[in-house]
Amino acid sequence: MDDQTRIELEAAAFRRLRQHLMQDRTDVQNIDMMNLTGFCRNCLSRWYQEAANEKGIDMGKDEAREIFYGMTMDAWKSTYQTEANADKQKAFEKAFSENVTAKDA
């Protein structure tokens, strides 16, 4: 497989993941994703922002999140986010400390 085809396939897979999380599974909470996988929608949007910045594209955290979520973070939270219980919050603290470095936060 040539590099251009590989890049196009990787981009297509990423777009499908983004659609899955934005539209198909809005019920899946970020805290659950982080607790199970070590990353969440915010991580994906941060990686998107970092890639844009590395290419010389000026993009902030809020803009990247809006691109990834399809709406503002506040709109997402009020529409889809549910309250996390104490056990989930404790697990999140552990997952966050294991997977997100100080420069990432």
PDB file of N, CA and C in Angstrom:
ATOM      1  N   MET A   1       0.849  -1.183   0.000  1.00  0.00           N
ATOM      2  CA  MET A   1       0.000   0.000   0.000  1.00  0.00           C
ATOM      3  C   MET A   1       0.892   1.243   0.000  1.00  0.00           C
ATOM      4  N   ASP A   2       0.557   2.196  -0.846  1.00  0.00           N
ATOM      5  CA  ASP A   2       1.352   3.422  -0.895  1.00  0.00           C
ATOM      6  C   ASP A   2       0.961   4.357   0.258  1.00  0.00           C
ATOM      7  N   ASP A   3       1.838   5.317   0.552  1.00  0.00           N
ATOM      8  CA  ASP A   3       1.630   6.221   1.692  1.00  0.00           C
ATOM      9  C   ASP A   3       0.353   7.039   1.565  1.00  0.00           C
ATOM     10  N   GLN A   4       0.043   7.539   0.377  1.00  0.00           N
ATOM     11  CA  GLN A   4      -1.157   8.367   0.207  1.00  0.00           C
ATOM     12  C   GLN A   4      -2.421   7.562   0.504  1.00  0.00           C
ATOM     13  N   THR A   5      -2.472   6.324   0.039  1.00  0.00           N
ATOM     14  CA  THR A   5      -3.635   5.472   0.312  1.00  0.00           C
ATOM     15  C   THR A   5      -3.753   5.196   1.803  1.00  0.00           C
ATOM     16  N   ARG A   6      -2.622   4.907   2.449  1.00  0.00           N
ATOM     17  CA  ARG A   6      -2.620   4.666   3.895  1.00  0.00           C
ATOM     18  C   ARG A   6      -3.139   5.888   4.639  1.00  0.00           C
ATOM     19  N   ILE A   7      -2.674   7.073   4.276  1.00  0.00           N
ATOM     20  CA  ILE A   7      -3.120   8.310   4.919  1.00  0.00           C
ATOM     21  C   ILE A   7      -4.619   8.500   4.721  1.00  0.00           C
ATOM     22  N   GLU A   8      -5.111   8.257   3.524  1.00  0.00           N
ATOM     23  CA  GLU A   8      -6.539   8.414   3.241  1.00  0.00           C
ATOM     24  C   GLU A   8      -7.375   7.421   4.038  1.00  0.00           C
ATOM     25  N   LEU A   9      -6.896   6.195   4.177  1.00  0.00           N
ATOM     26  CA  LEU A   9      -7.625   5.195   4.965  1.00  0.00           C
ATOM     27  C   LEU A   9      -7.622   5.550   6.445  1.00  0.00           C
ATOM     28  N   GLU A  10      -6.470   6.008   6.945  1.00  0.00           N
ATOM     29  CA  GLU A  10      -6.403   6.426   8.346  1.00  0.00           C
ATOM     30  C   GLU A  10      -7.340   7.608   8.598  1.00  0.00           C
ATOM     31  N   ALA A  11      -7.376   8.554   7.683  1.00  0.00           N
ATOM     32  CA  ALA A  11      -8.262   9.708   7.828  1.00  0.00           C
ATOM     33  C   ALA A  11      -9.732   9.275   7.796  1.00  0.00           C
ATOM     34  N   ALA A  12     -10.051   8.333   6.927  1.00  0.00           N
ATOM     35  CA  ALA A  12     -11.431   7.834   6.842  1.00  0.00           C
ATOM     36  C   ALA A  12     -11.820   7.127   8.142  1.00  0.00           C
ATOM     37  N   ALA A  13     -10.913   6.346   8.700  1.00  0.00           N
ATOM     38  CA  ALA A  13     -11.195   5.655   9.955  1.00  0.00           C
ATOM     39  C   ALA A  13     -11.382   6.666  11.088  1.00  0.00           C
ATOM     40  N   PHE A  14     -10.562   7.706  11.113  1.00  0.00           N
ATOM     41  CA  PHE A  14     -10.715   8.744  12.138  1.00  0.00           C
ATOM     42  C   PHE A  14     -12.050   9.462  11.987  1.00  0.00           C
ATOM     43  N   ARG A  15     -12.422   9.806  10.755  1.00  0.00           N
ATOM     44  CA  ARG A  15     -13.710  10.481  10.545  1.00  0.00           C
ATOM     45  C   ARG A  15     -14.865   9.600  11.011  1.00  0.00           C
ATOM     46  N   ARG A  16     -14.763   8.301  10.775  1.00  0.00           N
ATOM     47  CA  ARG A  16     -15.826   7.393  11.203  1.00  0.00           C
ATOM     48  C   ARG A  16     -15.873   7.274  12.720  1.00  0.00           C
ATOM     49  N   LEU A  17     -14.720   7.240  13.375  1.00  0.00           N
ATOM     50  CA  LEU A  17     -14.667   7.242  14.844  1.00  0.00           C
ATOM     51  C   LEU A  17     -15.310   8.518  15.375  1.00  0.00           C
ATOM     52  N   ARG A  18     -14.969   9.650  14.786  1.00  0.00           N
ATOM     53  CA  ARG A  18     -15.533  10.923  15.211  1.00  0.00           C
ATOM     54  C   ARG A  18     -17.053  10.922  15.049  1.00  0.00           C
ATOM     55  N   GLN A  19     -17.536  10.439  13.923  1.00  0.00           N
ATOM     56  CA  GLN A  19     -18.983  10.355  13.706  1.00  0.00           C
ATOM     57  C   GLN A  19     -19.635   9.432  14.726  1.00  0.00           C
ATOM     58  N   HIS A  20     -18.997   8.317  14.992  1.00  0.00           N
ATOM     59  CA  HIS A  20     -19.531   7.357  15.953  1.00  0.00           C
ATOM     60  C   HIS A  20     -19.719   8.005  17.323  1.00  0.00           C
ATOM     61  N   LEU A  21     -18.710   8.766  17.759  1.00  0.00           N
ATOM     62  CA  LEU A  21     -18.767   9.392  19.077  1.00  0.00           C
ATOM     63  C   LEU A  21     -19.643  10.641  19.099  1.00  0.00           C
ATOM     64  N   MET A  22     -19.727  11.359  17.980  1.00  0.00           N
ATOM     65  CA  MET A  22     -20.522  12.589  17.910  1.00  0.00           C
ATOM     66  C   MET A  22     -22.007  12.310  17.701  1.00  0.00           C
ATOM     67  N   GLN A  23     -22.319  11.293  16.900  1.00  0.00           N
ATOM     68  CA  GLN A  23     -23.695  11.096  16.468  1.00  0.00           C
ATOM     69  C   GLN A  23     -24.288   9.760  16.910  1.00  0.00           C
ATOM     70  N   ASP A  24     -23.537   8.694  16.761  1.00  0.00           N
ATOM     71  CA  ASP A  24     -24.086   7.359  17.004  1.00  0.00           C
ATOM     72  C   ASP A  24     -24.132   6.991  18.482  1.00  0.00           C
ATOM     73  N   ARG A  25     -23.139   7.429  19.253  1.00  0.00           N
ATOM     74  CA  ARG A  25     -23.040   7.024  20.658  1.00  0.00           C
ATOM     75  C   ARG A  25     -22.847   8.218  21.582  1.00  0.00           C
ATOM     76  N   THR A  26     -23.745   9.163  21.483  1.00  0.00           N
ATOM     77  CA  THR A  26     -23.684  10.320  22.377  1.00  0.00           C
ATOM     78  C   THR A  26     -23.952   9.916  23.825  1.00  0.00           C
ATOM     79  N   ASP A  27     -24.477   8.709  24.018  1.00  0.00           N
ATOM     80  CA  ASP A  27     -24.736   8.214  25.368  1.00  0.00           C
ATOM     81  C   ASP A  27     -23.463   7.793  26.091  1.00  0.00           C
ATOM     82  N   VAL A  28     -22.404   7.545  25.363  1.00  0.00           N
ATOM     83  CA  VAL A  28     -21.145   7.136  25.979  1.00  0.00           C
ATOM     84  C   VAL A  28     -20.487   8.369  26.588  1.00  0.00           C
ATOM     85  N   GLN A  29     -20.290   8.328  27.878  1.00  0.00           N
ATOM     86  CA  GLN A  29     -19.739   9.459  28.612  1.00  0.00           C
ATOM     87  C   GLN A  29     -18.216   9.492  28.508  1.00  0.00           C
ATOM     88  N   ASN A  30     -17.655  10.707  28.452  1.00  0.00           N
ATOM     89  CA  ASN A  30     -16.201  10.866  28.401  1.00  0.00           C
ATOM     90  C   ASN A  30     -15.530  10.196  29.595  1.00  0.00           C
ATOM     91  N   ILE A  31     -16.123  10.320  30.767  1.00  0.00           N
ATOM     92  CA  ILE A  31     -15.509   9.737  31.962  1.00  0.00           C
ATOM     93  C   ILE A  31     -15.415   8.216  31.825  1.00  0.00           C
ATOM     94  N   ASP A  32     -16.421   7.599  31.216  1.00  0.00           N
ATOM     95  CA  ASP A  32     -16.371   6.150  31.005  1.00  0.00           C
ATOM     96  C   ASP A  32     -15.288   5.779  29.993  1.00  0.00           C
ATOM     97  N   MET A  33     -15.180   6.577  28.931  1.00  0.00           N
ATOM     98  CA  MET A  33     -14.128   6.326  27.943  1.00  0.00           C
ATOM     99  C   MET A  33     -12.749   6.431  28.585  1.00  0.00           C
ATOM    100  N   MET A  34     -12.533   7.493  29.360  1.00  0.00           N
ATOM    101  CA  MET A  34     -11.234   7.688  29.995  1.00  0.00           C
ATOM    102  C   MET A  34     -10.941   6.562  30.978  1.00  0.00           C
ATOM    103  N   ASN A  35     -11.935   6.168  31.742  1.00  0.00           N
ATOM    104  CA  ASN A  35     -11.725   5.112  32.732  1.00  0.00           C
ATOM    105  C   ASN A  35     -11.412   3.772  32.077  1.00  0.00           C
ATOM    106  N   LEU A  36     -12.001   3.511  30.917  1.00  0.00           N
ATOM    107  CA  LEU A  36     -11.793   2.220  30.241  1.00  0.00           C
ATOM    108  C   LEU A  36     -10.621   2.214  29.271  1.00  0.00           C
ATOM    109  N   THR A  37     -10.388   3.345  28.600  1.00  0.00           N
ATOM    110  CA  THR A  37      -9.416   3.342  27.505  1.00  0.00           C
ATOM    111  C   THR A  37      -8.228   4.262  27.714  1.00  0.00           C
ATOM    112  N   GLY A  38      -8.346   5.197  28.647  1.00  0.00           N
ATOM    113  CA  GLY A  38      -7.258   6.141  28.864  1.00  0.00           C
ATOM    114  C   GLY A  38      -7.315   7.344  27.938  1.00  0.00           C
ATOM    115  N   PHE A  39      -8.390   7.476  27.163  1.00  0.00           N
ATOM    116  CA  PHE A  39      -8.592   8.671  26.348  1.00  0.00           C
ATOM    117  C   PHE A  39     -10.092   8.912  26.198  1.00  0.00           C
ATOM    118  N   CYS A  40     -10.438  10.137  25.808  1.00  0.00           N
ATOM    119  CA  CYS A  40     -11.846  10.487  25.633  1.00  0.00           C
ATOM    120  C   CYS A  40     -11.977  11.470  24.477  1.00  0.00           C
ATOM    121  N   ARG A  41     -13.157  12.008  24.299  1.00  0.00           N
ATOM    122  CA  ARG A  41     -13.383  12.983  23.229  1.00  0.00           C
ATOM    123  C   ARG A  41     -12.478  14.195  23.380  1.00  0.00           C
ATOM    124  N   ASN A  42     -12.257  14.631  24.617  1.00  0.00           N
ATOM    125  CA  ASN A  42     -11.377  15.784  24.830  1.00  0.00           C
ATOM    126  C   ASN A  42      -9.949  15.469  24.400  1.00  0.00           C
ATOM    127  N   CYS A  43      -9.497  14.264  24.661  1.00  0.00           N
ATOM    128  CA  CYS A  43      -8.162  13.863  24.213  1.00  0.00           C
ATOM    129  C   CYS A  43      -8.084  13.892  22.691  1.00  0.00           C
ATOM    130  N   LEU A  44      -9.095  13.341  22.037  1.00  0.00           N
ATOM    131  CA  LEU A  44      -9.120  13.338  20.575  1.00  0.00           C
ATOM    132  C   LEU A  44      -9.099  14.754  20.024  1.00  0.00           C
ATOM    133  N   SER A  45      -9.864  15.648  20.628  1.00  0.00           N
ATOM    134  CA  SER A  45      -9.872  17.029  20.142  1.00  0.00           C
ATOM    135  C   SER A  45      -8.525  17.700  20.411  1.00  0.00           C
ATOM    136  N   ARG A  46      -7.880  17.365  21.523  1.00  0.00           N
ATOM    137  CA  ARG A  46      -6.558  17.928  21.817  1.00  0.00           C
ATOM    138  C   ARG A  46      -5.528  17.424  20.809  1.00  0.00           C
ATOM    139  N   TRP A  47      -5.589  16.142  20.466  1.00  0.00           N
ATOM    140  CA  TRP A  47      -4.670  15.600  19.468  1.00  0.00           C
ATOM    141  C   TRP A  47      -4.893  16.258  18.110  1.00  0.00           C
ATOM    142  N   TYR A  48      -6.152  16.546  17.788  1.00  0.00           N
ATOM    143  CA  TYR A  48      -6.500  17.251  16.552  1.00  0.00           C
ATOM    144  C   TYR A  48      -5.883  18.650  16.577  1.00  0.00           C
ATOM    145  N   GLN A  49      -6.039  19.349  17.684  1.00  0.00           N
ATOM    146  CA  GLN A  49      -5.475  20.696  17.845  1.00  0.00           C
ATOM    147  C   GLN A  49      -3.957  20.656  17.717  1.00  0.00           C
ATOM    148  N   GLU A  50      -3.320  19.710  18.377  1.00  0.00           N
ATOM    149  CA  GLU A  50      -1.856  19.604  18.318  1.00  0.00           C
ATOM    150  C   GLU A  50      -1.386  19.363  16.891  1.00  0.00           C
ATOM    151  N   ALA A  51      -2.093  18.501  16.161  1.00  0.00           N
ATOM    152  CA  ALA A  51      -1.729  18.232  14.766  1.00  0.00           C
ATOM    153  C   ALA A  51      -1.876  19.497  13.924  1.00  0.00           C
ATOM    154  N   ALA A  52      -2.950  20.259  14.157  1.00  0.00           N
ATOM    155  CA  ALA A  52      -3.152  21.515  13.424  1.00  0.00           C
ATOM    156  C   ALA A  52      -2.032  22.494  13.748  1.00  0.00           C
ATOM    157  N   ASN A  53      -1.716  22.638  15.032  1.00  0.00           N
ATOM    158  CA  ASN A  53      -0.663  23.561  15.444  1.00  0.00           C
ATOM    159  C   ASN A  53       0.690  23.174  14.859  1.00  0.00           C
ATOM    160  N   GLU A  54       0.980  21.867  14.796  1.00  0.00           N
ATOM    161  CA  GLU A  54       2.233  21.403  14.203  1.00  0.00           C
ATOM    162  C   GLU A  54       2.323  21.747  12.717  1.00  0.00           C
ATOM    163  N   LYS A  55       1.175  21.873  12.060  1.00  0.00           N
ATOM    164  CA  LYS A  55       1.118  22.245  10.647  1.00  0.00           C
ATOM    165  C   LYS A  55       1.083  23.761  10.457  1.00  0.00           C
ATOM    166  N   GLY A  56       1.205  24.508  11.561  1.00  0.00           N
ATOM    167  CA  GLY A  56       1.193  25.958  11.481  1.00  0.00           C
ATOM    168  C   GLY A  56      -0.201  26.564  11.461  1.00  0.00           C
ATOM    169  N   ILE A  57      -1.225  25.765  11.759  1.00  0.00           N
ATOM    170  CA  ILE A  57      -2.599  26.247  11.811  1.00  0.00           C
ATOM    171  C   ILE A  57      -2.892  26.679  13.241  1.00  0.00           C
ATOM    172  N   ASP A  58      -3.251  27.944  13.410  1.00  0.00           N
ATOM    173  CA  ASP A  58      -3.547  28.482  14.733  1.00  0.00           C
ATOM    174  C   ASP A  58      -4.924  27.991  15.167  1.00  0.00           C
ATOM    175  N   MET A  59      -4.945  27.131  16.167  1.00  0.00           N
ATOM    176  CA  MET A  59      -6.204  26.563  16.648  1.00  0.00           C
ATOM    177  C   MET A  59      -6.118  26.405  18.158  1.00  0.00           C
ATOM    178  N   GLY A  60      -7.108  26.916  18.857  1.00  0.00           N
ATOM    179  CA  GLY A  60      -7.162  26.792  20.307  1.00  0.00           C
ATOM    180  C   GLY A  60      -7.982  25.584  20.732  1.00  0.00           C
ATOM    181  N   LYS A  61      -7.974  25.330  22.033  1.00  0.00           N
ATOM    182  CA  LYS A  61      -8.671  24.180  22.603  1.00  0.00           C
ATOM    183  C   LYS A  61     -10.171  24.220  22.329  1.00  0.00           C
ATOM    184  N   ASP A  62     -10.794  25.380  22.531  1.00  0.00           N
ATOM    185  CA  ASP A  62     -12.238  25.475  22.324  1.00  0.00           C
ATOM    186  C   ASP A  62     -12.625  25.234  20.870  1.00  0.00           C
ATOM    187  N   GLU A  63     -11.844  25.779  19.951  1.00  0.00           N
ATOM    188  CA  GLU A  63     -12.119  25.577  18.520  1.00  0.00           C
ATOM    189  C   GLU A  63     -11.984  24.107  18.148  1.00  0.00           C
ATOM    190  N   ALA A  64     -10.942  23.455  18.643  1.00  0.00           N
ATOM    191  CA  ALA A  64     -10.744  22.032  18.348  1.00  0.00           C
ATOM    192  C   ALA A  64     -11.882  21.199  18.917  1.00  0.00           C
ATOM    193  N   ARG A  65     -12.307  21.515  20.125  1.00  0.00           N
ATOM    194  CA  ARG A  65     -13.422  20.771  20.727  1.00  0.00           C
ATOM    195  C   ARG A  65     -14.702  20.968  19.921  1.00  0.00           C
ATOM    196  N   GLU A  66     -14.956  22.184  19.477  1.00  0.00           N
ATOM    197  CA  GLU A  66     -16.171  22.438  18.703  1.00  0.00           C
ATOM    198  C   GLU A  66     -16.130  21.673  17.377  1.00  0.00           C
ATOM    199  N   ILE A  67     -14.972  21.608  16.756  1.00  0.00           N
ATOM    200  CA  ILE A  67     -14.828  20.834  15.522  1.00  0.00           C
ATOM    201  C   ILE A  67     -15.085  19.360  15.815  1.00  0.00           C
ATOM    202  N   PHE A  68     -14.569  18.870  16.923  1.00  0.00           N
ATOM    203  CA  PHE A  68     -14.715  17.442  17.218  1.00  0.00           C
ATOM    204  C   PHE A  68     -16.102  17.085  17.733  1.00  0.00           C
ATOM    205  N   TYR A  69     -16.681  17.936  18.572  1.00  0.00           N
ATOM    206  CA  TYR A  69     -17.993  17.657  19.155  1.00  0.00           C
ATOM    207  C   TYR A  69     -19.145  18.051  18.236  1.00  0.00           C
ATOM    208  N   GLY A  70     -18.880  18.975  17.299  1.00  0.00           N
ATOM    209  CA  GLY A  70     -19.943  19.465  16.435  1.00  0.00           C
ATOM    210  C   GLY A  70     -20.786  20.537  17.102  1.00  0.00           C
ATOM    211  N   MET A  71     -20.341  21.015  18.242  1.00  0.00           N
ATOM    212  CA  MET A  71     -21.025  22.065  19.007  1.00  0.00           C
ATOM    213  C   MET A  71     -20.064  22.523  20.095  1.00  0.00           C
ATOM    214  N   THR A  72     -20.448  23.567  20.808  1.00  0.00           N
ATOM    215  CA  THR A  72     -19.585  24.026  21.901  1.00  0.00           C
ATOM    216  C   THR A  72     -19.562  22.973  23.021  1.00  0.00           C
ATOM    217  N   MET A  73     -18.555  23.057  23.833  1.00  0.00           N
ATOM    218  CA  MET A  73     -18.443  22.140  24.967  1.00  0.00           C
ATOM    219  C   MET A  73     -19.615  22.317  25.923  1.00  0.00           C
ATOM    220  N   ASP A  74     -20.010  23.559  26.168  1.00  0.00           N
ATOM    221  CA  ASP A  74     -21.149  23.811  27.055  1.00  0.00           C
ATOM    222  C   ASP A  74     -22.428  23.195  26.501  1.00  0.00           C
ATOM    223  N   ALA A  75     -22.639  23.313  25.190  1.00  0.00           N
ATOM    224  CA  ALA A  75     -23.833  22.721  24.569  1.00  0.00           C
ATOM    225  C   ALA A  75     -23.799  21.200  24.683  1.00  0.00           C
ATOM    226  N   TRP A  76     -22.621  20.601  24.471  1.00  0.00           N
ATOM    227  CA  TRP A  76     -22.480  19.146  24.587  1.00  0.00           C
ATOM    228  C   TRP A  76     -22.820  18.698  26.002  1.00  0.00           C
ATOM    229  N   LYS A  77     -22.230  19.379  26.977  1.00  0.00           N
ATOM    230  CA  LYS A  77     -22.453  19.007  28.376  1.00  0.00           C
ATOM    231  C   LYS A  77     -23.927  19.099  28.745  1.00  0.00           C
ATOM    232  N   SER A  78     -24.571  20.180  28.358  1.00  0.00           N
ATOM    233  CA  SER A  78     -25.973  20.344  28.743  1.00  0.00           C
ATOM    234  C   SER A  78     -26.889  19.376  28.011  1.00  0.00           C
ATOM    235  N   THR A  79     -26.481  18.928  26.841  1.00  0.00           N
ATOM    236  CA  THR A  79     -27.315  18.016  26.049  1.00  0.00           C
ATOM    237  C   THR A  79     -27.073  16.550  26.385  1.00  0.00           C
ATOM    238  N   TYR A  80     -25.800  16.161  26.584  1.00  0.00           N
ATOM    239  CA  TYR A  80     -25.465  14.743  26.669  1.00  0.00           C
ATOM    240  C   TYR A  80     -24.804  14.292  27.971  1.00  0.00           C
ATOM    241  N   GLN A  81     -24.128  15.171  28.677  1.00  0.00           N
ATOM    242  CA  GLN A  81     -23.348  14.727  29.834  1.00  0.00           C
ATOM    243  C   GLN A  81     -24.238  14.463  31.037  1.00  0.00           C
ATOM    244  N   THR A  82     -23.958  13.346  31.696  1.00  0.00           N
ATOM    245  CA  THR A  82     -24.683  12.984  32.912  1.00  0.00           C
ATOM    246  C   THR A  82     -23.745  13.112  34.106  1.00  0.00           C
ATOM    247  N   GLU A  83     -24.317  13.112  35.289  1.00  0.00           N
ATOM    248  CA  GLU A  83     -23.536  13.226  36.518  1.00  0.00           C
ATOM    249  C   GLU A  83     -22.765  11.928  36.766  1.00  0.00           C
ATOM    250  N   ALA A  84     -21.508  12.062  37.124  1.00  0.00           N
ATOM    251  CA  ALA A  84     -20.681  10.894  37.424  1.00  0.00           C
ATOM    252  C   ALA A  84     -20.695  10.640  38.930  1.00  0.00           C
ATOM    253  N   ASN A  85     -20.856   9.380  39.299  1.00  0.00           N
ATOM    254  CA  ASN A  85     -20.850   9.041  40.725  1.00  0.00           C
ATOM    255  C   ASN A  85     -19.421   9.074  41.274  1.00  0.00           C
ATOM    256  N   ALA A  86     -19.295   8.937  42.579  1.00  0.00           N
ATOM    257  CA  ALA A  86     -17.990   9.037  43.249  1.00  0.00           C
ATOM    258  C   ALA A  86     -17.014   7.978  42.759  1.00  0.00           C
ATOM    259  N   ASP A  87     -17.484   6.770  42.507  1.00  0.00           N
ATOM    260  CA  ASP A  87     -16.600   5.704  42.031  1.00  0.00           C
ATOM    261  C   ASP A  87     -16.022   6.041  40.656  1.00  0.00           C
ATOM    262  N   LYS A  88     -16.857   6.548  39.769  1.00  0.00           N
ATOM    263  CA  LYS A  88     -16.380   6.931  38.443  1.00  0.00           C
ATOM    264  C   LYS A  88     -15.390   8.087  38.543  1.00  0.00           C
ATOM    265  N   GLN A  89     -15.667   9.037  39.419  1.00  0.00           N
ATOM    266  CA  GLN A  89     -14.762  10.174  39.583  1.00  0.00           C
ATOM    267  C   GLN A  89     -13.404   9.729  40.117  1.00  0.00           C
ATOM    268  N   LYS A  90     -13.417   8.794  41.054  1.00  0.00           N
ATOM    269  CA  LYS A  90     -12.157   8.279  41.609  1.00  0.00           C
ATOM    270  C   LYS A  90     -11.383   7.518  40.535  1.00  0.00           C
ATOM    271  N   ALA A  91     -12.059   6.697  39.766  1.00  0.00           N
ATOM    272  CA  ALA A  91     -11.409   5.962  38.672  1.00  0.00           C
ATOM    273  C   ALA A  91     -10.855   6.928  37.631  1.00  0.00           C
ATOM    274  N   PHE A  92     -11.597   8.019  37.377  1.00  0.00           N
ATOM    275  CA  PHE A  92     -11.140   9.022  36.418  1.00  0.00           C
ATOM    276  C   PHE A  92      -9.838   9.665  36.880  1.00  0.00           C
ATOM    277  N   GLU A  93      -9.752  10.013  38.152  1.00  0.00           N
ATOM    278  CA  GLU A  93      -8.529  10.622  38.676  1.00  0.00           C
ATOM    279  C   GLU A  93      -7.321   9.720  38.421  1.00  0.00           C
ATOM    280  N   LYS A  94      -7.502   8.424  38.632  1.00  0.00           N
ATOM    281  CA  LYS A  94      -6.423   7.462  38.397  1.00  0.00           C
ATOM    282  C   LYS A  94      -6.106   7.377  36.902  1.00  0.00           C
ATOM    283  N   ALA A  95      -7.121   7.229  36.059  1.00  0.00           N
ATOM    284  CA  ALA A  95      -6.912   7.120  34.616  1.00  0.00           C
ATOM    285  C   ALA A  95      -6.268   8.385  34.060  1.00  0.00           C
ATOM    286  N   PHE A  96      -6.723   9.528  34.532  1.00  0.00           N
ATOM    287  CA  PHE A  96      -6.173  10.795  34.066  1.00  0.00           C
ATOM    288  C   PHE A  96      -4.700  10.898  34.427  1.00  0.00           C
ATOM    289  N   SER A  97      -4.369  10.568  35.659  1.00  0.00           N
ATOM    290  CA  SER A  97      -2.973  10.680  36.098  1.00  0.00           C
ATOM    291  C   SER A  97      -2.065   9.699  35.355  1.00  0.00           C
ATOM    292  N   GLU A  98      -2.611   8.579  34.922  1.00  0.00           N
ATOM    293  CA  GLU A  98      -1.819   7.574  34.207  1.00  0.00           C
ATOM    294  C   GLU A  98      -1.694   7.874  32.712  1.00  0.00           C
ATOM    295  N   ASN A  99      -2.626   8.653  32.161  1.00  0.00           N
ATOM    296  CA  ASN A  99      -2.665   8.809  30.710  1.00  0.00           C
ATOM    297  C   ASN A  99      -2.482  10.228  30.185  1.00  0.00           C
ATOM    298  N   VAL A 100      -2.610  11.220  31.040  1.00  0.00           N
ATOM    299  CA  VAL A 100      -2.494  12.602  30.594  1.00  0.00           C
ATOM    300  C   VAL A 100      -1.338  13.241  31.323  1.00  0.00           C
ATOM    301  N   THR A 101      -0.376  13.757  30.566  1.00  0.00           N
ATOM    302  CA  THR A 101       0.779  14.401  31.172  1.00  0.00           C
ATOM    303  C   THR A 101       0.435  15.848  31.503  1.00  0.00           C
ATOM    304  N   ALA A 102       1.275  16.485  32.298  1.00  0.00           N
ATOM    305  CA  ALA A 102       1.035  17.867  32.706  1.00  0.00           C
ATOM    306  C   ALA A 102       0.937  18.791  31.497  1.00  0.00           C
ATOM    307  N   LYS A 103       1.734  18.550  30.455  1.00  0.00           N
ATOM    308  CA  LYS A 103       1.674  19.401  29.265  1.00  0.00           C
ATOM    309  C   LYS A 103       0.384  19.192  28.484  1.00  0.00           C
ATOM    310  N   ASP A 104      -0.251  18.033  28.630  1.00  0.00           N
ATOM    311  CA  ASP A 104      -1.492  17.735  27.909  1.00  0.00           C
ATOM    312  C   ASP A 104      -2.714  18.395  28.537  1.00  0.00           C
ATOM    313  N   ALA A 105      -2.684  18.560  29.848  1.00  0.00           N
ATOM    314  CA  ALA A 105      -3.865  19.037  30.580  1.00  0.00           C
ATOM    315  C   ALA A 105      -4.248  20.464  30.250  1.00  0.00           C
TER     316      ALA A 105
END
